[in-house]
PDB file of N, CA and C in Angstrom:
ATOM      1  N   MET A   1     -23.647 -55.627  37.036  1.00  0.00           N
ATOM      2  CA  MET A   1     -22.377 -54.954  37.090  1.00  0.00           C
ATOM      3  C   MET A   1     -22.460 -53.716  36.197  1.00  0.00           C
ATOM      4  N   SER A   2     -22.110 -52.551  36.744  1.00  0.00           N
ATOM      5  CA  SER A   2     -22.172 -51.327  35.954  1.00  0.00           C
ATOM      6  C   SER A   2     -20.815 -51.034  35.321  1.00  0.00           C
ATOM      7  N   GLU A   3     -20.875 -50.521  34.132  1.00  0.00           N
ATOM      8  CA  GLU A   3     -19.668 -50.162  33.419  1.00  0.00           C
ATOM      9  C   GLU A   3     -19.306 -48.732  33.765  1.00  0.00           C
ATOM     10  N   GLN A   4     -18.051 -48.480  34.037  1.00  0.00           N
ATOM     11  CA  GLN A   4     -17.610 -47.134  34.364  1.00  0.00           C
ATOM     12  C   GLN A   4     -17.134 -46.466  33.075  1.00  0.00           C
ATOM     13  N   LEU A   5     -17.671 -45.276  32.816  1.00  0.00           N
ATOM     14  CA  LEU A   5     -17.283 -44.535  31.621  1.00  0.00           C
ATOM     15  C   LEU A   5     -16.078 -43.664  31.923  1.00  0.00           C
ATOM     16  N   HIS A   6     -15.211 -43.544  30.962  1.00  0.00           N
ATOM     17  CA  HIS A   6     -14.031 -42.700  31.108  1.00  0.00           C
ATOM     18  C   HIS A   6     -14.071 -41.655  29.996  1.00  0.00           C
ATOM     19  N   TYR A   7     -14.056 -40.408  30.392  1.00  0.00           N
ATOM     20  CA  TYR A   7     -14.036 -39.323  29.425  1.00  0.00           C
ATOM     21  C   TYR A   7     -12.687 -38.628  29.493  1.00  0.00           C
ATOM     22  N   GLU A   8     -12.134 -38.378  28.340  1.00  0.00           N
ATOM     23  CA  GLU A   8     -10.846 -37.703  28.284  1.00  0.00           C
ATOM     24  C   GLU A   8     -11.051 -36.310  27.690  1.00  0.00           C
ATOM     25  N   ALA A   9     -10.502 -35.303  28.348  1.00  0.00           N
ATOM     26  CA  ALA A   9     -10.610 -33.933  27.855  1.00  0.00           C
ATOM     27  C   ALA A   9      -9.835 -33.810  26.545  1.00  0.00           C
ATOM     28  N   LYS A  10     -10.393 -33.097  25.622  1.00  0.00           N
ATOM     29  CA  LYS A  10      -9.726 -32.876  24.339  1.00  0.00           C
ATOM     30  C   LYS A  10      -9.294 -31.429  24.257  1.00  0.00           C
ATOM     31  N   ASP A  11      -8.257 -31.195  23.516  1.00  0.00           N
ATOM     32  CA  ASP A  11      -7.686 -29.866  23.367  1.00  0.00           C
ATOM     33  C   ASP A  11      -8.056 -29.266  22.007  1.00  0.00           C
ATOM     34  N   THR A  12      -9.073 -29.821  21.359  1.00  0.00           N
ATOM     35  CA  THR A  12      -9.443 -29.407  20.011  1.00  0.00           C
ATOM     36  C   THR A  12     -10.505 -28.310  20.050  1.00  0.00           C
ATOM     37  N   VAL A  13     -10.302 -27.286  19.223  1.00  0.00           N
ATOM     38  CA  VAL A  13     -11.276 -26.210  19.072  1.00  0.00           C
ATOM     39  C   VAL A  13     -11.530 -26.015  17.585  1.00  0.00           C
ATOM     40  N   GLY A  14     -12.619 -25.351  17.258  1.00  0.00           N
ATOM     41  CA  GLY A  14     -12.903 -25.122  15.847  1.00  0.00           C
ATOM     42  C   GLY A  14     -13.969 -24.085  15.628  1.00  0.00           C
ATOM     43  N   MET A  15     -14.110 -23.712  14.373  1.00  0.00           N
ATOM     44  CA  MET A  15     -15.160 -22.778  13.978  1.00  0.00           C
ATOM     45  C   MET A  15     -15.504 -23.012  12.515  1.00  0.00           C
ATOM     46  N   VAL A  16     -16.685 -22.544  12.156  1.00  0.00           N
ATOM     47  CA  VAL A  16     -17.146 -22.620  10.774  1.00  0.00           C
ATOM     48  C   VAL A  16     -17.484 -21.205  10.334  1.00  0.00           C
ATOM     49  N   LEU A  17     -16.922 -20.802   9.190  1.00  0.00           N
ATOM     50  CA  LEU A  17     -17.190 -19.482   8.628  1.00  0.00           C
ATOM     51  C   LEU A  17     -17.955 -19.641   7.324  1.00  0.00           C
ATOM     52  N   MET A  18     -19.014 -18.843   7.167  1.00  0.00           N
ATOM     53  CA  MET A  18     -19.766 -18.844   5.909  1.00  0.00           C
ATOM     54  C   MET A  18     -18.890 -18.234   4.818  1.00  0.00           C
ATOM     55  N   GLY A  19     -18.941 -18.810   3.642  1.00  0.00           N
ATOM     56  CA  GLY A  19     -18.131 -18.344   2.527  1.00  0.00           C
ATOM     57  C   GLY A  19     -18.380 -16.882   2.213  1.00  0.00           C
ATOM     58  N   SER A  20     -17.324 -16.095   2.162  1.00  0.00           N
ATOM     59  CA  SER A  20     -17.400 -14.671   1.856  1.00  0.00           C
ATOM     60  C   SER A  20     -15.980 -14.176   1.613  1.00  0.00           C
ATOM     61  N   GLU A  21     -15.865 -12.947   1.145  1.00  0.00           N
ATOM     62  CA  GLU A  21     -14.546 -12.348   0.954  1.00  0.00           C
ATOM     63  C   GLU A  21     -13.811 -12.268   2.300  1.00  0.00           C
ATOM     64  N   GLU A  22     -14.539 -11.917   3.348  1.00  0.00           N
ATOM     65  CA  GLU A  22     -13.946 -11.816   4.678  1.00  0.00           C
ATOM     66  C   GLU A  22     -13.450 -13.182   5.165  1.00  0.00           C
ATOM     67  N   ALA A  23     -14.276 -14.208   4.990  1.00  0.00           N
ATOM     68  CA  ALA A  23     -13.895 -15.559   5.412  1.00  0.00           C
ATOM     69  C   ALA A  23     -12.667 -16.038   4.644  1.00  0.00           C
ATOM     70  N   LYS A  24     -12.640 -15.799   3.351  1.00  0.00           N
ATOM     71  CA  LYS A  24     -11.495 -16.207   2.534  1.00  0.00           C
ATOM     72  C   LYS A  24     -10.223 -15.520   3.020  1.00  0.00           C
ATOM     73  N   THR A  25     -10.322 -14.248   3.371  1.00  0.00           N
ATOM     74  CA  THR A  25      -9.171 -13.501   3.879  1.00  0.00           C
ATOM     75  C   THR A  25      -8.717 -14.056   5.224  1.00  0.00           C
ATOM     76  N   ILE A  26      -9.656 -14.362   6.106  1.00  0.00           N
ATOM     77  CA  ILE A  26      -9.332 -14.941   7.410  1.00  0.00           C
ATOM     78  C   ILE A  26      -8.632 -16.285   7.224  1.00  0.00           C
ATOM     79  N   VAL A  27      -9.138 -17.104   6.324  1.00  0.00           N
ATOM     80  CA  VAL A  27      -8.538 -18.416   6.055  1.00  0.00           C
ATOM     81  C   VAL A  27      -7.110 -18.254   5.530  1.00  0.00           C
ATOM     82  N   GLU A  28      -6.891 -17.307   4.624  1.00  0.00           N
ATOM     83  CA  GLU A  28      -5.538 -17.063   4.102  1.00  0.00           C
ATOM     84  C   GLU A  28      -4.584 -16.680   5.228  1.00  0.00           C
ATOM     85  N   LEU A  29      -5.034 -15.787   6.123  1.00  0.00           N
ATOM     86  CA  LEU A  29      -4.194 -15.384   7.257  1.00  0.00           C
ATOM     87  C   LEU A  29      -3.909 -16.555   8.190  1.00  0.00           C
ATOM     88  N   LEU A  30      -4.948 -17.324   8.511  1.00  0.00           N
ATOM     89  CA  LEU A  30      -4.759 -18.460   9.413  1.00  0.00           C
ATOM     90  C   LEU A  30      -3.826 -19.505   8.807  1.00  0.00           C
ATOM     91  N   ARG A  31      -3.940 -19.750   7.507  1.00  0.00           N
ATOM     92  CA  ARG A  31      -3.043 -20.714   6.856  1.00  0.00           C
ATOM     93  C   ARG A  31      -1.593 -20.264   6.957  1.00  0.00           C
ATOM     94  N   ALA A  32      -1.359 -18.943   6.833  1.00  0.00           N
ATOM     95  CA  ALA A  32       0.005 -18.413   6.921  1.00  0.00           C
ATOM     96  C   ALA A  32       0.516 -18.445   8.363  1.00  0.00           C
ATOM     97  N   GLN A  33      -0.354 -18.128   9.323  1.00  0.00           N
ATOM     98  CA  GLN A  33       0.054 -18.045  10.729  1.00  0.00           C
ATOM     99  C   GLN A  33       0.086 -19.402  11.421  1.00  0.00           C
ATOM    100  N   ARG A  34      -0.826 -20.277  11.042  1.00  0.00           N
ATOM    101  CA  ARG A  34      -0.996 -21.556  11.751  1.00  0.00           C
ATOM    102  C   ARG A  34      -1.098 -22.710  10.753  1.00  0.00           C
ATOM    103  N   PRO A  35       0.006 -23.127  10.168  1.00  0.00           N
ATOM    104  CA  PRO A  35      -0.038 -24.236   9.209  1.00  0.00           C
ATOM    105  C   PRO A  35      -0.509 -25.547   9.840  1.00  0.00           C
ATOM    106  N   ASP A  36      -0.547 -25.609  11.174  1.00  0.00           N
ATOM    107  CA  ASP A  36      -1.003 -26.820  11.858  1.00  0.00           C
ATOM    108  C   ASP A  36      -2.524 -26.943  11.875  1.00  0.00           C
ATOM    109  N   LEU A  37      -3.247 -25.883  11.538  1.00  0.00           N
ATOM    110  CA  LEU A  37      -4.711 -25.947  11.530  1.00  0.00           C
ATOM    111  C   LEU A  37      -5.205 -26.806  10.378  1.00  0.00           C
ATOM    112  N   THR A  38      -6.315 -27.464  10.585  1.00  0.00           N
ATOM    113  CA  THR A  38      -6.991 -28.186   9.509  1.00  0.00           C
ATOM    114  C   THR A  38      -8.096 -27.277   8.998  1.00  0.00           C
ATOM    115  N   ILE A  39      -7.974 -26.843   7.754  1.00  0.00           N
ATOM    116  CA  ILE A  39      -8.949 -25.932   7.157  1.00  0.00           C
ATOM    117  C   ILE A  39      -9.527 -26.617   5.929  1.00  0.00           C
ATOM    118  N   THR A  40     -10.850 -26.749   5.931  1.00  0.00           N
ATOM    119  CA  THR A  40     -11.542 -27.413   4.837  1.00  0.00           C
ATOM    120  C   THR A  40     -12.463 -26.416   4.153  1.00  0.00           C
ATOM    121  N   ASP A  41     -12.327 -26.292   2.826  1.00  0.00           N
ATOM    122  CA  ASP A  41     -13.209 -25.445   2.029  1.00  0.00           C
ATOM    123  C   ASP A  41     -14.327 -26.328   1.507  1.00  0.00           C
ATOM    124  N   ASP A  42     -15.521 -26.141   2.059  1.00  0.00           N
ATOM    125  CA  ASP A  42     -16.664 -26.952   1.657  1.00  0.00           C
ATOM    126  C   ASP A  42     -17.562 -26.229   0.664  1.00  0.00           C
ATOM    127  N   GLY A  43     -16.997 -25.285  -0.078  1.00  0.00           N
ATOM    128  CA  GLY A  43     -17.768 -24.564  -1.088  1.00  0.00           C
ATOM    129  C   GLY A  43     -18.446 -23.332  -0.519  1.00  0.00           C
ATOM    130  N   CYS A  44     -19.461 -23.535   0.284  1.00  0.00           N
ATOM    131  CA  CYS A  44     -20.183 -22.383   0.831  1.00  0.00           C
ATOM    132  C   CYS A  44     -19.746 -22.021   2.247  1.00  0.00           C
ATOM    133  N   TYR A  45     -18.836 -22.794   2.833  1.00  0.00           N
ATOM    134  CA  TYR A  45     -18.302 -22.455   4.154  1.00  0.00           C
ATOM    135  C   TYR A  45     -16.927 -23.076   4.345  1.00  0.00           C
ATOM    136  N   TYR A  46     -16.218 -22.567   5.348  1.00  0.00           N
ATOM    137  CA  TYR A  46     -14.899 -23.081   5.715  1.00  0.00           C
ATOM    138  C   TYR A  46     -14.983 -23.682   7.111  1.00  0.00           C
ATOM    139  N   SER A  47     -14.462 -24.890   7.284  1.00  0.00           N
ATOM    140  CA  SER A  47     -14.333 -25.509   8.602  1.00  0.00           C
ATOM    141  C   SER A  47     -12.883 -25.361   9.027  1.00  0.00           C
ATOM    142  N   ILE A  48     -12.677 -24.872  10.248  1.00  0.00           N
ATOM    143  CA  ILE A  48     -11.332 -24.623  10.763  1.00  0.00           C
ATOM    144  C   ILE A  48     -11.205 -25.341  12.099  1.00  0.00           C
ATOM    145  N   GLU A  49     -10.171 -26.169  12.248  1.00  0.00           N
ATOM    146  CA  GLU A  49      -9.996 -26.936  13.474  1.00  0.00           C
ATOM    147  C   GLU A  49      -8.527 -26.939  13.866  1.00  0.00           C
ATOM    148  N   GLY A  50      -8.280 -26.865  15.178  1.00  0.00           N
ATOM    149  CA  GLY A  50      -6.905 -26.883  15.656  1.00  0.00           C
ATOM    150  C   GLY A  50      -6.820 -27.262  17.115  1.00  0.00           C
ATOM    151  N   GLN A  51      -5.602 -27.339  17.593  1.00  0.00           N
ATOM    152  CA  GLN A  51      -5.342 -27.693  18.984  1.00  0.00           C
ATOM    153  C   GLN A  51      -5.128 -26.439  19.818  1.00  0.00           C
ATOM    154  N   GLY A  52      -5.746 -26.402  20.994  1.00  0.00           N
ATOM    155  CA  GLY A  52      -5.482 -25.353  21.968  1.00  0.00           C
ATOM    156  C   GLY A  52      -6.243 -24.067  21.784  1.00  0.00           C
ATOM    157  N   LYS A  53      -6.084 -23.443  20.636  1.00  0.00           N
ATOM    158  CA  LYS A  53      -6.732 -22.154  20.404  1.00  0.00           C
ATOM    159  C   LYS A  53      -6.709 -21.791  18.926  1.00  0.00           C
ATOM    160  N   ILE A  54      -7.669 -20.949  18.564  1.00  0.00           N
ATOM    161  CA  ILE A  54      -7.681 -20.301  17.252  1.00  0.00           C
ATOM    162  C   ILE A  54      -7.990 -18.843  17.536  1.00  0.00           C
ATOM    163  N   GLU A  55      -7.140 -17.949  17.055  1.00  0.00           N
ATOM    164  CA  GLU A  55      -7.320 -16.524  17.306  1.00  0.00           C
ATOM    165  C   GLU A  55      -7.333 -15.759  15.994  1.00  0.00           C
ATOM    166  N   ILE A  56      -8.189 -14.749  15.949  1.00  0.00           N
ATOM    167  CA  ILE A  56      -8.307 -13.922  14.753  1.00  0.00           C
ATOM    168  C   ILE A  56      -8.100 -12.466  15.147  1.00  0.00           C
ATOM    169  N   ASP A  57      -7.092 -11.855  14.546  1.00  0.00           N
ATOM    170  CA  ASP A  57      -6.771 -10.444  14.759  1.00  0.00           C
ATOM    171  C   ASP A  57      -7.498  -9.645  13.678  1.00  0.00           C
ATOM    172  N   LEU A  58      -8.534  -8.927  14.068  1.00  0.00           N
ATOM    173  CA  LEU A  58      -9.345  -8.205  13.094  1.00  0.00           C
ATOM    174  C   LEU A  58      -8.595  -7.051  12.446  1.00  0.00           C
ATOM    175  N   ASP A  59      -7.576  -6.493  13.103  1.00  0.00           N
ATOM    176  CA  ASP A  59      -6.756  -5.453  12.471  1.00  0.00           C
ATOM    177  C   ASP A  59      -5.982  -6.039  11.295  1.00  0.00           C
ATOM    178  N   ALA A  60      -5.417  -7.236  11.467  1.00  0.00           N
ATOM    179  CA  ALA A  60      -4.676  -7.887  10.384  1.00  0.00           C
ATOM    180  C   ALA A  60      -5.613  -8.256   9.234  1.00  0.00           C
ATOM    181  N   VAL A  61      -6.817  -8.713   9.561  1.00  0.00           N
ATOM    182  CA  VAL A  61      -7.807  -9.040   8.523  1.00  0.00           C
ATOM    183  C   VAL A  61      -8.198  -7.772   7.771  1.00  0.00           C
ATOM    184  N   SER A  62      -8.470  -6.702   8.510  1.00  0.00           N
ATOM    185  CA  SER A  62      -8.863  -5.428   7.895  1.00  0.00           C
ATOM    186  C   SER A  62      -7.782  -4.903   6.960  1.00  0.00           C
ATOM    187  N   GLU A  63      -6.533  -5.008   7.393  1.00  0.00           N
ATOM    188  CA  GLU A  63      -5.419  -4.540   6.572  1.00  0.00           C
ATOM    189  C   GLU A  63      -5.362  -5.304   5.257  1.00  0.00           C
ATOM    190  N   ARG A  64      -5.522  -6.616   5.332  1.00  0.00           N
ATOM    191  CA  ARG A  64      -5.473  -7.438   4.128  1.00  0.00           C
ATOM    192  C   ARG A  64      -6.689  -7.203   3.229  1.00  0.00           C
ATOM    193  N   LEU A  65      -7.853  -6.954   3.852  1.00  0.00           N
ATOM    194  CA  LEU A  65      -9.072  -6.685   3.080  1.00  0.00           C
ATOM    195  C   LEU A  65      -9.035  -5.319   2.400  1.00  0.00           C
ATOM    196  N   GLY A  66      -8.321  -4.375   3.015  1.00  0.00           N
ATOM    197  CA  GLY A  66      -8.309  -3.008   2.501  1.00  0.00           C
ATOM    198  C   GLY A  66      -9.480  -2.191   3.016  1.00  0.00           C
ATOM    199  N   ARG A  67     -10.158  -2.716   4.026  1.00  0.00           N
ATOM    200  CA  ARG A  67     -11.278  -2.013   4.677  1.00  0.00           C
ATOM    201  C   ARG A  67     -11.471  -2.605   6.059  1.00  0.00           C
ATOM    202  N   ASP A  68     -12.167  -1.862   6.894  1.00  0.00           N
ATOM    203  CA  ASP A  68     -12.326  -2.290   8.276  1.00  0.00           C
ATOM    204  C   ASP A  68     -13.310  -3.452   8.406  1.00  0.00           C
ATOM    205  N   LEU A  69     -12.961  -4.396   9.260  1.00  0.00           N
ATOM    206  CA  LEU A  69     -13.863  -5.487   9.619  1.00  0.00           C
ATOM    207  C   LEU A  69     -14.083  -5.410  11.121  1.00  0.00           C
ATOM    208  N   GLU A  70     -15.295  -5.066  11.517  1.00  0.00           N
ATOM    209  CA  GLU A  70     -15.661  -4.963  12.932  1.00  0.00           C
ATOM    210  C   GLU A  70     -15.972  -6.353  13.483  1.00  0.00           C
ATOM    211  N   LEU A  71     -15.864  -6.493  14.801  1.00  0.00           N
ATOM    212  CA  LEU A  71     -16.188  -7.757  15.459  1.00  0.00           C
ATOM    213  C   LEU A  71     -17.624  -8.178  15.154  1.00  0.00           C
ATOM    214  N   SER A  72     -18.549  -7.237  15.171  1.00  0.00           N
ATOM    215  CA  SER A  72     -19.956  -7.577  14.910  1.00  0.00           C
ATOM    216  C   SER A  72     -20.137  -8.149  13.507  1.00  0.00           C
ATOM    217  N   SER A  73     -19.413  -7.634  12.532  1.00  0.00           N
ATOM    218  CA  SER A  73     -19.495  -8.164  11.164  1.00  0.00           C
ATOM    219  C   SER A  73     -18.847  -9.543  11.069  1.00  0.00           C
ATOM    220  N   PHE A  74     -17.741  -9.739  11.799  1.00  0.00           N
ATOM    221  CA  PHE A  74     -17.117 -11.055  11.828  1.00  0.00           C
ATOM    222  C   PHE A  74     -18.082 -12.094  12.398  1.00  0.00           C
ATOM    223  N   LEU A  75     -18.777 -11.733  13.469  1.00  0.00           N
ATOM    224  CA  LEU A  75     -19.686 -12.680  14.116  1.00  0.00           C
ATOM    225  C   LEU A  75     -20.835 -13.093  13.201  1.00  0.00           C
ATOM    226  N   VAL A  76     -21.181 -12.261  12.225  1.00  0.00           N
ATOM    227  CA  VAL A  76     -22.234 -12.598  11.262  1.00  0.00           C
ATOM    228  C   VAL A  76     -21.794 -13.736  10.350  1.00  0.00           C
ATOM    229  N   ILE A  77     -20.515 -13.765   9.966  1.00  0.00           N
ATOM    230  CA  ILE A  77     -20.058 -14.823   9.058  1.00  0.00           C
ATOM    231  C   ILE A  77     -19.633 -16.095   9.787  1.00  0.00           C
ATOM    232  N   MET A  78     -19.461 -16.019  11.117  1.00  0.00           N
ATOM    233  CA  MET A  78     -19.106 -17.207  11.881  1.00  0.00           C
ATOM    234  C   MET A  78     -20.389 -17.947  12.224  1.00  0.00           C
ATOM    235  N   SER A  79     -20.607 -19.092  11.581  1.00  0.00           N
ATOM    236  CA  SER A  79     -21.875 -19.789  11.778  1.00  0.00           C
ATOM    237  C   SER A  79     -21.877 -20.693  12.999  1.00  0.00           C
ATOM    238  N   SER A  80     -20.709 -21.191  13.424  1.00  0.00           N
ATOM    239  CA  SER A  80     -20.651 -22.016  14.632  1.00  0.00           C
ATOM    240  C   SER A  80     -19.215 -22.105  15.118  1.00  0.00           C
ATOM    241  N   PHE A  81     -19.071 -22.602  16.341  1.00  0.00           N
ATOM    242  CA  PHE A  81     -17.747 -22.796  16.920  1.00  0.00           C
ATOM    243  C   PHE A  81     -17.845 -23.862  17.996  1.00  0.00           C
ATOM    244  N   TYR A  82     -16.718 -24.441  18.360  1.00  0.00           N
ATOM    245  CA  TYR A  82     -16.650 -25.265  19.562  1.00  0.00           C
ATOM    246  C   TYR A  82     -15.352 -24.924  20.273  1.00  0.00           C
ATOM    247  N   GLY A  83     -15.476 -24.780  21.566  1.00  0.00           N
ATOM    248  CA  GLY A  83     -14.416 -24.283  22.418  1.00  0.00           C
ATOM    249  C   GLY A  83     -14.997 -23.165  23.264  1.00  0.00           C
ATOM    250  N   ARG A  84     -14.146 -22.469  23.954  1.00  0.00           N
ATOM    251  CA  ARG A  84     -14.578 -21.375  24.822  1.00  0.00           C
ATOM    252  C   ARG A  84     -14.170 -20.057  24.181  1.00  0.00           C
ATOM    253  N   VAL A  85     -15.127 -19.181  23.976  1.00  0.00           N
ATOM    254  CA  VAL A  85     -14.893 -17.931  23.264  1.00  0.00           C
ATOM    255  C   VAL A  85     -14.419 -16.838  24.207  1.00  0.00           C
ATOM    256  N   HIS A  86     -13.478 -16.052  23.709  1.00  0.00           N
ATOM    257  CA  HIS A  86     -13.056 -14.824  24.383  1.00  0.00           C
ATOM    258  C   HIS A  86     -12.960 -13.754  23.303  1.00  0.00           C
ATOM    259  N   THR A  87     -13.639 -12.622  23.523  1.00  0.00           N
ATOM    260  CA  THR A  87     -13.586 -11.542  22.543  1.00  0.00           C
ATOM    261  C   THR A  87     -13.005 -10.297  23.172  1.00  0.00           C
ATOM    262  N   GLU A  88     -12.376  -9.525  22.337  1.00  0.00           N
ATOM    263  CA  GLU A  88     -11.916  -8.184  22.653  1.00  0.00           C
ATOM    264  C   GLU A  88     -12.417  -7.322  21.511  1.00  0.00           C
ATOM    265  N   GLU A  89     -12.224  -6.030  21.603  1.00  0.00           N
ATOM    266  CA  GLU A  89     -12.748  -5.133  20.575  1.00  0.00           C
ATOM    267  C   GLU A  89     -12.258  -5.488  19.174  1.00  0.00           C
ATOM    268  N   ARG A  90     -11.001  -5.868  19.044  1.00  0.00           N
ATOM    269  CA  ARG A  90     -10.415  -6.131  17.723  1.00  0.00           C
ATOM    270  C   ARG A  90      -9.864  -7.556  17.595  1.00  0.00           C
ATOM    271  N   ARG A  91     -10.280  -8.462  18.495  1.00  0.00           N
ATOM    272  CA  ARG A  91      -9.793  -9.841  18.455  1.00  0.00           C
ATOM    273  C   ARG A  91     -10.912 -10.806  18.837  1.00  0.00           C
ATOM    274  N   PHE A  92     -10.806 -12.000  18.258  1.00  0.00           N
ATOM    275  CA  PHE A  92     -11.735 -13.076  18.577  1.00  0.00           C
ATOM    276  C   PHE A  92     -10.910 -14.332  18.766  1.00  0.00           C
ATOM    277  N   GLY A  93     -11.209 -15.087  19.809  1.00  0.00           N
ATOM    278  CA  GLY A  93     -10.476 -16.323  20.040  1.00  0.00           C
ATOM    279  C   GLY A  93     -11.379 -17.426  20.554  1.00  0.00           C
ATOM    280  N   VAL A  94     -11.052 -18.667  20.177  1.00  0.00           N
ATOM    281  CA  VAL A  94     -11.714 -19.862  20.695  1.00  0.00           C
ATOM    282  C   VAL A  94     -10.614 -20.686  21.359  1.00  0.00           C
ATOM    283  N   TYR A  95     -10.840 -21.080  22.625  1.00  0.00           N
ATOM    284  CA  TYR A  95      -9.816 -21.729  23.439  1.00  0.00           C
ATOM    285  C   TYR A  95     -10.298 -23.054  23.988  1.00  0.00           C
ATOM    286  N   ALA A  96      -9.366 -23.955  24.196  1.00  0.00           N
ATOM    287  CA  ALA A  96      -9.676 -25.244  24.806  1.00  0.00           C
ATOM    288  C   ALA A  96      -9.708 -25.139  26.325  1.00  0.00           C
ATOM    289  N   GLU A  97      -9.010 -24.167  26.890  1.00  0.00           N
ATOM    290  CA  GLU A  97      -8.942 -24.047  28.341  1.00  0.00           C
ATOM    291  C   GLU A  97     -10.227 -23.438  28.911  1.00  0.00           C
ATOM    292  N   LEU A  98     -10.451 -23.679  30.188  1.00  0.00           N
ATOM    293  CA  LEU A  98     -11.605 -23.109  30.876  1.00  0.00           C
ATOM    294  C   LEU A  98     -11.297 -21.662  31.230  1.00  0.00           C
ATOM    295  N   LEU A  99     -11.939 -20.728  30.556  1.00  0.00           N
ATOM    296  CA  LEU A  99     -11.637 -19.320  30.775  1.00  0.00           C
ATOM    297  C   LEU A  99     -12.043 -18.847  32.161  1.00  0.00           C
ATOM    298  N   ASP A 100     -13.031 -19.479  32.761  1.00  0.00           N
ATOM    299  CA  ASP A 100     -13.442 -19.081  34.101  1.00  0.00           C
ATOM    300  C   ASP A 100     -12.389 -19.456  35.138  1.00  0.00           C
ATOM    301  N   LEU A 101     -11.592 -20.454  34.840  1.00  0.00           N
ATOM    302  CA  LEU A 101     -10.608 -20.946  35.790  1.00  0.00           C
ATOM    303  C   LEU A 101      -9.200 -20.471  35.475  1.00  0.00           C
ATOM    304  N   GLU A 102      -8.935 -20.184  34.208  1.00  0.00           N
ATOM    305  CA  GLU A 102      -7.610 -19.778  33.788  1.00  0.00           C
ATOM    306  C   GLU A 102      -7.734 -18.554  32.892  1.00  0.00           C
ATOM    307  N   ALA A 103      -6.789 -17.667  32.943  1.00  0.00           N
ATOM    308  CA  ALA A 103      -6.746 -16.550  31.995  1.00  0.00           C
ATOM    309  C   ALA A 103      -6.326 -17.120  30.653  1.00  0.00           C
ATOM    310  N   PRO A 104      -6.934 -16.635  29.551  1.00  0.00           N
ATOM    311  CA  PRO A 104      -6.503 -17.158  28.247  1.00  0.00           C
ATOM    312  C   PRO A 104      -5.046 -16.795  27.992  1.00  0.00           C
ATOM    313  N   LYS A 105      -4.345 -17.703  27.380  1.00  0.00           N
ATOM    314  CA  LYS A 105      -2.969 -17.419  26.994  1.00  0.00           C
ATOM    315  C   LYS A 105      -3.054 -16.309  25.969  1.00  0.00           C
ATOM    316  N   ALA A 106      -2.247 -15.300  26.111  1.00  0.00           N
ATOM    317  CA  ALA A 106      -2.322 -14.075  25.308  1.00  0.00           C
ATOM    318  C   ALA A 106      -2.866 -14.314  23.911  1.00  0.00           C
ATOM    319  N   LEU A 107      -3.605 -13.359  23.419  1.00  0.00           N
ATOM    320  CA  LEU A 107      -4.198 -13.449  22.086  1.00  0.00           C
ATOM    321  C   LEU A 107      -3.127 -13.230  21.021  1.00  0.00           C
ATOM    322  N   THR A 108      -2.250 -14.190  20.902  1.00  0.00           N
ATOM    323  CA  THR A 108      -1.195 -14.136  19.906  1.00  0.00           C
ATOM    324  C   THR A 108      -1.165 -15.457  19.175  1.00  0.00           C
ATOM    325  N   ALA A 109      -0.571 -15.455  18.019  1.00  0.00           N
ATOM    326  CA  ALA A 109      -0.476 -16.694  17.236  1.00  0.00           C
ATOM    327  C   ALA A 109       0.371 -17.702  17.984  1.00  0.00           C
ATOM    328  N   LYS A 110       0.014 -18.953  17.821  1.00  0.00           N
ATOM    329  CA  LYS A 110       0.729 -20.058  18.486  1.00  0.00           C
ATOM    330  C   LYS A 110       2.090 -20.232  17.890  1.00  0.00           C
TER     331      LYS A 110
END
């Protein structure tokens, strides 16, 4: 008799940022915008996890930093992620939805 496996889709997404001034600023912004996120400071990196999506507005990060943060520089400090990535010139997002099948819900805070 074979056992039938049941898999349930999860709506959880996450990312890990290497510890830096930029990462600390991103974490501060995310904590203010999304208090529902689980953010863990592990000393040399930050683990960020949430439901549905996590979005980072690089203009808001740059403003808080007092200098420009380009997408390419952000990608250097992001060591890993889980979810489906969508990037724009000044935004980065990780989504639970299938981007090939659905348009991402606007890149705005939840």
